[in-house]
Amino acid sequence: GPQSTYDNITRKTALLAIAAARDKARMQSLLGVPPMPFVFVSCAEAGWPDVQFGDKVEAAAPDWLKRYLTAKRAVEAELRNSPSLRTTALRPSLIWNWQKLDVLPVIPIFNLASAIGVPFVDKTVRVETLAKAAVAAARDPTVSGVQRYDGMERLAKTL
């Protein structure tokens, strides 16, 4: 419906979850409990400002993608401003599984572009890898910050 915007679904929902986690973490920190983990599934494209040609790719992106990236980046910024939490932002590119037939043809293109070093294209991530990485990031007290595809693959292997 008209209320199903990237801002409402992604940013506002995540900010409410972060606020609730902060409230709980505040109480726990008084008791000497380590920071509570908070894992957010962002997107590889949220990192475009940090890579060569990313700004140009984003400038040419459709409006819906720009709104999506704005919402994801707003959540990531809030995570960085949450010292009472141990935050991890997973940044997958195209997420897929073998049942998602419509994306299967583009997977080799993404993976080849990533392998040859196209700076604004990351290797694709299987949904199973993403899920395992999220659980591993929450469980491992040494994990925080942005995790790109290689970090997610490494985390997933620990489960």
C-alpha atoms as a PDB file:
ATOM      1  CA  GLY A   1       0.000   0.000   0.000  1.00  0.00           C
ATOM      2  CA  PRO A   2       0.942   3.662   0.052  1.00  0.00           C
ATOM      3  CA  GLN A   3       2.475   3.290   3.542  1.00  0.00           C
ATOM      4  CA  SER A   4       4.881   0.578   2.315  1.00  0.00           C
ATOM      5  CA  THR A   5       7.815   2.868   1.599  1.00  0.00           C
ATOM      6  CA  TYR A   6      11.506   2.129   2.083  1.00  0.00           C
ATOM      7  CA  ASP A   7      11.488   4.779   4.777  1.00  0.00           C
ATOM      8  CA  ASN A   8       8.626   3.146   6.706  1.00  0.00           C
ATOM      9  CA  ILE A   9       9.612  -0.469   6.176  1.00  0.00           C
ATOM     10  CA  THR A  10      13.381  -0.182   6.515  1.00  0.00           C
ATOM     11  CA  ARG A  11      14.389   2.986   8.349  1.00  0.00           C
ATOM     12  CA  LYS A  12      11.546   3.516  10.799  1.00  0.00           C
ATOM     13  CA  THR A  13      11.215  -0.161  11.691  1.00  0.00           C
ATOM     14  CA  ALA A  14      14.950  -0.573  12.246  1.00  0.00           C
ATOM     15  CA  LEU A  15      15.213   2.639  14.279  1.00  0.00           C
ATOM     16  CA  LEU A  16      12.437   1.424  16.575  1.00  0.00           C
ATOM     17  CA  ALA A  17      14.247  -1.895  17.011  1.00  0.00           C
ATOM     18  CA  ILE A  18      17.545  -0.096  17.709  1.00  0.00           C
ATOM     19  CA  ALA A  19      15.859   2.142  20.305  1.00  0.00           C
ATOM     20  CA  ALA A  20      14.348  -0.899  22.049  1.00  0.00           C
ATOM     21  CA  ALA A  21      17.718  -2.680  22.022  1.00  0.00           C
ATOM     22  CA  ARG A  22      19.439   0.423  23.412  1.00  0.00           C
ATOM     23  CA  ASP A  23      16.930   0.624  26.253  1.00  0.00           C
ATOM     24  CA  LYS A  24      17.584  -2.988  27.189  1.00  0.00           C
ATOM     25  CA  ALA A  25      21.339  -2.609  26.740  1.00  0.00           C
ATOM     26  CA  ARG A  26      21.372   0.421  29.027  1.00  0.00           C
ATOM     27  CA  MET A  27      19.927  -1.641  31.860  1.00  0.00           C
ATOM     28  CA  GLN A  28      22.294  -4.537  31.163  1.00  0.00           C
ATOM     29  CA  SER A  29      25.368  -2.305  31.087  1.00  0.00           C
ATOM     30  CA  LEU A  30      24.539  -1.175  34.634  1.00  0.00           C
ATOM     31  CA  LEU A  31      24.846  -4.827  35.620  1.00  0.00           C
ATOM     32  CA  GLY A  32      28.171  -5.240  33.830  1.00  0.00           C
ATOM     33  CA  VAL A  33      26.754  -7.318  30.962  1.00  0.00           C
ATOM     34  CA  PRO A  34      28.716  -7.019  27.668  1.00  0.00           C
ATOM     35  CA  PRO A  35      27.138  -4.949  24.883  1.00  0.00           C
ATOM     36  CA  MET A  36      24.077  -6.525  23.280  1.00  0.00           C
ATOM     37  CA  PRO A  37      24.554  -7.628  19.665  1.00  0.00           C
ATOM     38  CA  PHE A  38      22.426  -6.020  16.964  1.00  0.00           C
ATOM     39  CA  VAL A  39      22.683  -7.318  13.395  1.00  0.00           C
ATOM     40  CA  PHE A  40      21.197  -5.390  10.469  1.00  0.00           C
ATOM     41  CA  VAL A  41      20.957  -6.631   6.897  1.00  0.00           C
ATOM     42  CA  SER A  42      21.921  -3.650   4.803  1.00  0.00           C
ATOM     43  CA  CYS A  43      23.121  -3.873   1.191  1.00  0.00           C
ATOM     44  CA  ALA A  44      26.424  -3.760  -0.640  1.00  0.00           C
ATOM     45  CA  GLU A  45      25.296  -0.689  -2.541  1.00  0.00           C
ATOM     46  CA  ALA A  46      25.149   1.278   0.730  1.00  0.00           C
ATOM     47  CA  GLY A  47      28.939   1.337   0.415  1.00  0.00           C
ATOM     48  CA  TRP A  48      29.014   2.922  -3.032  1.00  0.00           C
ATOM     49  CA  PRO A  49      30.198   6.301  -1.688  1.00  0.00           C
ATOM     50  CA  ASP A  50      33.339   4.522  -0.462  1.00  0.00           C
ATOM     51  CA  VAL A  51      34.334   2.882  -3.765  1.00  0.00           C
ATOM     52  CA  GLN A  52      35.691   4.158  -7.070  1.00  0.00           C
ATOM     53  CA  PHE A  53      32.907   5.223  -9.469  1.00  0.00           C
ATOM     54  CA  GLY A  54      30.264   4.455  -6.839  1.00  0.00           C
ATOM     55  CA  ASP A  55      29.057   8.042  -6.820  1.00  0.00           C
ATOM     56  CA  LYS A  56      28.616   7.989 -10.591  1.00  0.00           C
ATOM     57  CA  VAL A  57      26.723   4.684 -10.530  1.00  0.00           C
ATOM     58  CA  GLU A  58      24.463   6.004  -7.810  1.00  0.00           C
ATOM     59  CA  ALA A  59      23.820   9.251  -9.676  1.00  0.00           C
ATOM     60  CA  ALA A  60      22.533   7.171 -12.601  1.00  0.00           C
ATOM     61  CA  ALA A  61      20.461   4.871 -10.376  1.00  0.00           C
ATOM     62  CA  PRO A  62      16.665   4.923 -10.509  1.00  0.00           C
ATOM     63  CA  ASP A  63      14.810   6.926  -7.870  1.00  0.00           C
ATOM     64  CA  TRP A  64      13.509   3.812  -6.057  1.00  0.00           C
ATOM     65  CA  LEU A  65      17.090   2.597  -5.554  1.00  0.00           C
ATOM     66  CA  LYS A  66      18.184   5.974  -4.207  1.00  0.00           C
ATOM     67  CA  ARG A  67      15.326   5.880  -1.662  1.00  0.00           C
ATOM     68  CA  TYR A  68      16.296   2.323  -0.699  1.00  0.00           C
ATOM     69  CA  LEU A  69      19.936   3.333  -0.186  1.00  0.00           C
ATOM     70  CA  THR A  70      18.949   6.409   1.816  1.00  0.00           C
ATOM     71  CA  ALA A  71      16.951   4.212   4.206  1.00  0.00           C
ATOM     72  CA  LYS A  72      19.737   1.615   4.557  1.00  0.00           C
ATOM     73  CA  ARG A  73      22.380   4.292   5.168  1.00  0.00           C
ATOM     74  CA  ALA A  74      20.223   6.021   7.780  1.00  0.00           C
ATOM     75  CA  VAL A  75      20.019   2.772   9.729  1.00  0.00           C
ATOM     76  CA  GLU A  76      23.752   2.160   9.398  1.00  0.00           C
ATOM     77  CA  ALA A  77      24.424   5.692  10.691  1.00  0.00           C
ATOM     78  CA  GLU A  78      22.191   5.045  13.694  1.00  0.00           C
ATOM     79  CA  LEU A  79      24.065   1.809  14.370  1.00  0.00           C
ATOM     80  CA  ARG A  80      27.375   3.701  14.365  1.00  0.00           C
ATOM     81  CA  ASN A  81      25.852   6.059  16.963  1.00  0.00           C
ATOM     82  CA  SER A  82      24.875   3.199  19.282  1.00  0.00           C
ATOM     83  CA  PRO A  83      27.887   2.567  21.528  1.00  0.00           C
ATOM     84  CA  SER A  84      25.805   0.578  24.026  1.00  0.00           C
ATOM     85  CA  LEU A  85      25.253  -2.060  21.317  1.00  0.00           C
ATOM     86  CA  ARG A  86      27.688  -4.324  19.473  1.00  0.00           C
ATOM     87  CA  THR A  87      26.451  -3.623  15.975  1.00  0.00           C
ATOM     88  CA  THR A  88      27.052  -5.461  12.729  1.00  0.00           C
ATOM     89  CA  ALA A  89      25.830  -4.357   9.308  1.00  0.00           C
ATOM     90  CA  LEU A  90      25.787  -7.188   6.799  1.00  0.00           C
ATOM     91  CA  ARG A  91      26.106  -5.812   3.271  1.00  0.00           C
ATOM     92  CA  PRO A  92      25.090  -8.465   0.763  1.00  0.00           C
ATOM     93  CA  SER A  93      24.773  -7.684  -2.901  1.00  0.00           C
ATOM     94  CA  LEU A  94      22.293  -9.824  -4.786  1.00  0.00           C
ATOM     95  CA  ILE A  95      20.862 -12.444  -2.392  1.00  0.00           C
ATOM     96  CA  TRP A  96      19.773 -15.692  -3.985  1.00  0.00           C
ATOM     97  CA  ASN A  97      18.913 -19.364  -3.631  1.00  0.00           C
ATOM     98  CA  TRP A  98      18.273 -22.140  -6.123  1.00  0.00           C
ATOM     99  CA  GLN A  99      14.497 -21.605  -5.979  1.00  0.00           C
ATOM    100  CA  LYS A 100      14.773 -17.968  -7.100  1.00  0.00           C
ATOM    101  CA  LEU A 101      14.942 -18.745 -10.798  1.00  0.00           C
ATOM    102  CA  ASP A 102      14.511 -15.159 -12.003  1.00  0.00           C
ATOM    103  CA  VAL A 103      17.898 -14.085 -10.594  1.00  0.00           C
ATOM    104  CA  LEU A 104      19.926 -17.158 -11.511  1.00  0.00           C
ATOM    105  CA  PRO A 105      20.958 -15.821 -14.959  1.00  0.00           C
ATOM    106  CA  VAL A 106      22.567 -12.657 -13.528  1.00  0.00           C
ATOM    107  CA  ILE A 107      24.514 -14.356 -10.729  1.00  0.00           C
ATOM    108  CA  PRO A 108      27.530 -15.220 -12.943  1.00  0.00           C
ATOM    109  CA  ILE A 109      27.614 -11.624 -14.210  1.00  0.00           C
ATOM    110  CA  PHE A 110      27.763 -10.181 -10.682  1.00  0.00           C
ATOM    111  CA  ASN A 111      30.333 -12.742  -9.564  1.00  0.00           C
ATOM    112  CA  LEU A 112      32.550 -12.221 -12.618  1.00  0.00           C
ATOM    113  CA  ALA A 113      32.383  -8.429 -12.264  1.00  0.00           C
ATOM    114  CA  SER A 114      33.344  -8.744  -8.601  1.00  0.00           C
ATOM    115  CA  ALA A 115      36.144 -11.220  -9.369  1.00  0.00           C
ATOM    116  CA  ILE A 116      37.750  -8.952 -11.987  1.00  0.00           C
ATOM    117  CA  GLY A 117      37.613  -6.003  -9.596  1.00  0.00           C
ATOM    118  CA  VAL A 118      34.677  -3.864 -10.700  1.00  0.00           C
ATOM    119  CA  PRO A 119      34.664  -1.642  -7.594  1.00  0.00           C
ATOM    120  CA  PHE A 120      30.914  -1.121  -7.254  1.00  0.00           C
ATOM    121  CA  VAL A 121      29.837  -4.762  -7.756  1.00  0.00           C
ATOM    122  CA  ASP A 122      30.084  -7.346  -4.971  1.00  0.00           C
ATOM    123  CA  LYS A 123      29.891 -11.093  -5.284  1.00  0.00           C
ATOM    124  CA  THR A 124      26.402 -12.493  -4.777  1.00  0.00           C
ATOM    125  CA  VAL A 125      25.423 -14.092  -1.462  1.00  0.00           C
ATOM    126  CA  ARG A 126      23.253 -17.149  -0.963  1.00  0.00           C
ATOM    127  CA  VAL A 127      20.439 -16.602   1.490  1.00  0.00           C
ATOM    128  CA  GLU A 128      21.733 -19.500   3.594  1.00  0.00           C
ATOM    129  CA  THR A 129      25.123 -17.782   3.890  1.00  0.00           C
ATOM    130  CA  LEU A 130      23.464 -14.525   4.902  1.00  0.00           C
ATOM    131  CA  ALA A 131      21.377 -16.230   7.588  1.00  0.00           C
ATOM    132  CA  LYS A 132      24.351 -18.127   9.024  1.00  0.00           C
ATOM    133  CA  ALA A 133      26.462 -14.957   8.999  1.00  0.00           C
ATOM    134  CA  ALA A 134      23.763 -13.069  10.915  1.00  0.00           C
ATOM    135  CA  VAL A 135      23.605 -15.759  13.600  1.00  0.00           C
ATOM    136  CA  ALA A 136      27.398 -16.008  13.812  1.00  0.00           C
ATOM    137  CA  ALA A 137      27.758 -12.215  14.074  1.00  0.00           C
ATOM    138  CA  ALA A 138      25.246 -12.111  16.915  1.00  0.00           C
ATOM    139  CA  ARG A 139      26.974 -14.968  18.746  1.00  0.00           C
ATOM    140  CA  ASP A 140      30.615 -13.912  18.330  1.00  0.00           C
ATOM    141  CA  PRO A 141      31.523 -11.029  20.667  1.00  0.00           C
ATOM    142  CA  THR A 142      34.511 -10.094  18.471  1.00  0.00           C
ATOM    143  CA  VAL A 143      32.356  -9.303  15.419  1.00  0.00           C
ATOM    144  CA  SER A 144      31.118  -5.790  14.696  1.00  0.00           C
ATOM    145  CA  GLY A 145      31.033  -3.211  11.921  1.00  0.00           C
ATOM    146  CA  VAL A 146      30.362  -3.685   8.233  1.00  0.00           C
ATOM    147  CA  GLN A 147      30.676  -7.191   6.798  1.00  0.00           C
ATOM    148  CA  ARG A 148      30.823  -7.512   3.026  1.00  0.00           C
ATOM    149  CA  TYR A 149      30.443 -10.800   1.122  1.00  0.00           C
ATOM    150  CA  ASP A 150      33.835 -12.142   2.198  1.00  0.00           C
ATOM    151  CA  GLY A 151      33.119 -11.413   5.852  1.00  0.00           C
ATOM    152  CA  MET A 152      29.709 -13.071   5.573  1.00  0.00           C
ATOM    153  CA  GLU A 153      31.253 -16.147   3.951  1.00  0.00           C
ATOM    154  CA  ARG A 154      33.870 -16.338   6.725  1.00  0.00           C
ATOM    155  CA  LEU A 155      31.239 -15.945   9.457  1.00  0.00           C
ATOM    156  CA  ALA A 156      28.908 -18.516   7.886  1.00  0.00           C
ATOM    157  CA  LYS A 157      31.680 -21.122   7.938  1.00  0.00           C
ATOM    158  CA  THR A 158      31.970 -20.789  11.726  1.00  0.00           C
ATOM    159  CA  LEU A 159      28.546 -22.379  12.268  1.00  0.00           C
END
